[in-house]
Protein backbone atom coordinates (compact mmCIF):
# COMPACT_ATOMS: atom_id res chain seq x y z
CA MET A 1 109.80 26.79 87.60
CA LEU A 2 113.04 25.62 85.98
CA MET A 3 111.90 21.98 86.08
CA HIS A 4 108.60 22.94 84.46
CA SER A 5 110.49 24.70 81.66
CA ILE A 6 112.73 21.67 81.05
CA LYS A 7 109.71 19.33 80.94
CA HIS A 8 107.94 21.69 78.56
CA LYS A 9 110.95 21.77 76.21
CA LEU A 10 111.26 17.99 76.38
CA VAL A 11 107.61 17.50 75.44
CA ILE A 12 107.98 19.92 72.53
CA ALA A 13 111.11 18.12 71.33
CA LEU A 14 109.41 14.73 71.52
CA VAL A 15 106.33 15.93 69.65
CA ALA A 16 108.47 17.60 66.99
CA GLY A 17 110.52 14.43 66.58
CA ALA A 18 107.40 12.31 66.21
CA ILE A 19 106.04 14.69 63.58
CA LEU A 20 109.28 14.58 61.65
CA LEU A 21 109.42 10.79 61.76
CA SER A 22 105.81 10.19 60.85
CA GLY A 23 104.84 13.29 58.91
CA CYS A 24 107.14 12.83 55.98
CA GLY A 25 105.79 9.69 54.45
CA ALA A 26 106.41 8.73 50.86
CA GLU A 27 103.15 10.37 49.77
CA GLU A 28 104.09 13.75 51.26
CA ALA A 29 107.80 13.80 50.42
CA THR A 30 109.16 16.98 48.88
CA CYS A 31 112.27 17.26 46.74
CA GLY A 32 114.08 18.78 49.71
CA ASP A 33 113.05 15.80 51.86
CA TYR A 34 114.05 13.31 49.18
CA LYS A 35 117.58 14.68 48.89
CA LYS A 36 118.09 14.20 52.65
CA MET A 37 116.50 10.72 52.88
CA SER A 38 118.28 7.45 53.38
CA GLU A 39 118.32 5.10 50.41
CA ASP A 40 115.61 2.99 52.07
CA ASP A 41 113.31 5.99 52.45
CA GLN A 42 114.02 7.08 48.87
CA ASN A 43 113.02 3.57 47.76
CA LYS A 44 109.67 4.02 49.53
CA VAL A 45 109.05 7.21 47.56
CA VAL A 46 110.06 5.50 44.30
CA LYS A 47 107.73 2.55 44.95
CA ALA A 48 104.85 4.81 46.02
CA LEU A 49 105.19 6.87 42.85
CA LEU A 50 105.33 3.76 40.66
CA LYS A 51 102.26 2.37 42.41
CA LYS A 52 100.37 5.60 41.74
CA LYS A 53 101.49 5.85 38.10
CA THR A 54 101.42 2.22 36.97
CA GLY A 55 100.09 0.10 39.80
CA LYS A 56 103.15 -2.15 39.64
CA SER A 57 106.87 -2.15 40.20
CA SER A 58 110.01 -3.87 38.96
CA LYS A 59 113.72 -3.37 39.52
CA ASP A 60 114.12 -1.76 36.08
CA ALA A 61 111.13 0.54 36.60
CA GLU A 62 112.45 1.50 40.05
CA ALA A 63 115.87 2.39 38.61
CA ILE A 64 114.29 4.55 35.91
CA MET A 65 111.93 6.22 38.38
CA ARG A 66 114.84 6.94 40.76
CA MET A 67 116.64 8.73 37.91
CA GLU A 68 113.45 10.63 37.00
CA ILE A 69 112.94 11.81 40.58
CA SER A 70 116.60 12.77 41.02
CA THR A 71 116.63 14.74 37.77
CA PHE A 72 113.32 16.44 38.53
CA CYS A 73 114.41 17.36 42.06
CA ALA A 74 117.72 18.76 40.83
CA PHE A 75 115.75 21.59 39.18
CA ALA A 76 112.49 21.78 41.16
CA ASP A 77 111.75 23.92 44.18
CA PRO A 78 112.73 21.98 47.34
CA GLU A 79 109.13 22.32 48.61
CA THR A 80 107.65 20.60 45.54
CA LYS A 81 105.80 17.42 46.50
CA ILE A 82 107.18 14.60 44.38
CA ILE A 83 104.22 12.25 44.12
CA GLU A 84 101.68 15.04 43.81
CA THR A 85 103.64 16.52 40.90
CA LEU A 86 105.08 13.51 39.08
CA GLY A 87 102.21 11.16 39.86
CA LYS A 88 99.80 12.86 37.48
């Protein structure tokens, strides 16, 4: 019984980890997610938002978009989806 319980908890932990790693893509990122992301993951959100808004990207546009997202997320609800909200 104890071994079954440990296996069950391990499976749940693995599934939860997989969801966390795959479920928070750039398209679904919230402000709360963004604040916790590595710089590389933040760059993915920036590029995805630029692609949605303008269809292209440049270093200058990325720097401006990073500031826009950071400023927006400083005041927005942590559950606000970045691309859904700013990509309009």
